[in-house]
Amino acid sequence: MPKEKLTLYLEQEMIVWLHSKTDPELKVSAVVRNLIRDKMSLESRKKANDSTNRFDEFDSNPNKNYSF
């Protein structure tokens, strides 16, 4: 997969937080990548849940009168 170099300008409190989440075996770039992956995963799960919930609404209440 092709990679792209990214430069970030962070506020001081963000830098402090980022360094507090970084241990000696983990680089700052790895923490940023993990944050992005976590967010992408969360959005993907949320999108899957939204589509599931749309169908669950119809399935969970068969007595509801739906007029289209």
C-alpha atoms as a PDB file:
ATOM      1  CA  MET A   1       0.000   0.000   0.000  1.00  0.00           C
ATOM      2  CA  PRO A   2       1.473   3.388  -0.928  1.00  0.00           C
ATOM      3  CA  LYS A   3       2.235   5.679   1.970  1.00  0.00           C
ATOM      4  CA  GLU A   4       2.165   9.434   2.234  1.00  0.00           C
ATOM      5  CA  LYS A   5       4.252  11.615   4.530  1.00  0.00           C
ATOM      6  CA  LEU A   6       2.210  13.867   6.807  1.00  0.00           C
ATOM      7  CA  THR A   7       3.252  16.868   8.866  1.00  0.00           C
ATOM      8  CA  LEU A   8       1.164  17.850  11.895  1.00  0.00           C
ATOM      9  CA  TYR A   9       1.139  21.094  13.787  1.00  0.00           C
ATOM     10  CA  LEU A  10      -0.222  20.474  17.259  1.00  0.00           C
ATOM     11  CA  GLU A  11      -1.047  22.686  20.200  1.00  0.00           C
ATOM     12  CA  GLN A  12       1.082  22.237  23.300  1.00  0.00           C
ATOM     13  CA  GLU A  13      -1.622  20.345  25.231  1.00  0.00           C
ATOM     14  CA  MET A  14      -2.022  17.948  22.302  1.00  0.00           C
ATOM     15  CA  ILE A  15       1.716  17.336  22.251  1.00  0.00           C
ATOM     16  CA  VAL A  16       1.739  16.621  25.986  1.00  0.00           C
ATOM     17  CA  TRP A  17      -1.187  14.200  25.619  1.00  0.00           C
ATOM     18  CA  LEU A  18       0.421  12.491  22.629  1.00  0.00           C
ATOM     19  CA  HIS A  19       3.691  12.002  24.484  1.00  0.00           C
ATOM     20  CA  SER A  20       1.804  10.640  27.507  1.00  0.00           C
ATOM     21  CA  LYS A  21       0.323   7.943  25.227  1.00  0.00           C
ATOM     22  CA  THR A  22       3.688   7.077  23.700  1.00  0.00           C
ATOM     23  CA  ASP A  23       5.886   4.480  25.352  1.00  0.00           C
ATOM     24  CA  PRO A  24       9.512   3.709  24.451  1.00  0.00           C
ATOM     25  CA  GLU A  25       8.511   0.917  22.034  1.00  0.00           C
ATOM     26  CA  LEU A  26       5.891   3.011  20.248  1.00  0.00           C
ATOM     27  CA  LYS A  27       6.687   6.030  18.097  1.00  0.00           C
ATOM     28  CA  VAL A  28       4.436   9.086  17.922  1.00  0.00           C
ATOM     29  CA  SER A  29       3.620   8.209  14.312  1.00  0.00           C
ATOM     30  CA  ALA A  30       2.369   4.784  15.443  1.00  0.00           C
ATOM     31  CA  VAL A  31       0.082   6.408  18.022  1.00  0.00           C
ATOM     32  CA  VAL A  32      -1.373   8.699  15.345  1.00  0.00           C
ATOM     33  CA  ARG A  33      -1.880   5.747  12.978  1.00  0.00           C
ATOM     34  CA  ASN A  34      -3.611   3.787  15.770  1.00  0.00           C
ATOM     35  CA  LEU A  35      -5.912   6.736  16.509  1.00  0.00           C
ATOM     36  CA  ILE A  36      -6.883   6.943  12.845  1.00  0.00           C
ATOM     37  CA  ARG A  37      -7.457   3.181  12.617  1.00  0.00           C
ATOM     38  CA  ASP A  38      -9.603   3.252  15.778  1.00  0.00           C
ATOM     39  CA  LYS A  39     -11.719   6.093  14.381  1.00  0.00           C
ATOM     40  CA  MET A  40     -12.123   4.352  11.039  1.00  0.00           C
ATOM     41  CA  SER A  41     -13.133   1.132  12.782  1.00  0.00           C
ATOM     42  CA  LEU A  42     -15.612   2.965  15.001  1.00  0.00           C
ATOM     43  CA  GLU A  43     -17.225   4.677  12.012  1.00  0.00           C
ATOM     44  CA  SER A  44     -17.384   1.387  10.129  1.00  0.00           C
ATOM     45  CA  ARG A  45     -19.095  -0.341  13.082  1.00  0.00           C
ATOM     46  CA  LYS A  46     -21.462   2.597  13.515  1.00  0.00           C
ATOM     47  CA  LYS A  47     -22.425   2.486   9.839  1.00  0.00           C
ATOM     48  CA  ALA A  48     -23.034  -1.272  10.092  1.00  0.00           C
ATOM     49  CA  ASN A  49     -25.161  -0.778  13.221  1.00  0.00           C
ATOM     50  CA  ASP A  50     -27.185   1.993  11.555  1.00  0.00           C
ATOM     51  CA  SER A  51     -28.089  -0.241   8.627  1.00  0.00           C
ATOM     52  CA  THR A  52     -28.888  -3.119  10.999  1.00  0.00           C
ATOM     53  CA  ASN A  53     -31.032  -0.913  13.208  1.00  0.00           C
ATOM     54  CA  ARG A  54     -33.054   0.236  10.222  1.00  0.00           C
ATOM     55  CA  PHE A  55     -34.104  -3.356   9.554  1.00  0.00           C
ATOM     56  CA  ASP A  56     -34.504  -4.177  13.245  1.00  0.00           C
ATOM     57  CA  GLU A  57     -37.076  -1.396  13.549  1.00  0.00           C
ATOM     58  CA  PHE A  58     -39.301  -3.221  11.067  1.00  0.00           C
ATOM     59  CA  ASP A  59     -38.629  -6.677  12.473  1.00  0.00           C
ATOM     60  CA  SER A  60     -38.979  -5.845  16.158  1.00  0.00           C
ATOM     61  CA  ASN A  61     -42.510  -4.452  15.981  1.00  0.00           C
ATOM     62  CA  PRO A  62     -44.651  -6.472  13.558  1.00  0.00           C
ATOM     63  CA  ASN A  63     -47.888  -4.886  14.829  1.00  0.00           C
ATOM     64  CA  LYS A  64     -46.857  -1.340  13.926  1.00  0.00           C
ATOM     65  CA  ASN A  65     -48.840   0.168  11.065  1.00  0.00           C
ATOM     66  CA  TYR A  66     -46.456   1.298   8.332  1.00  0.00           C
ATOM     67  CA  SER A  67     -47.968   3.503   5.680  1.00  0.00           C
ATOM     68  CA  PHE A  68     -45.832   4.313   2.682  1.00  0.00           C
END
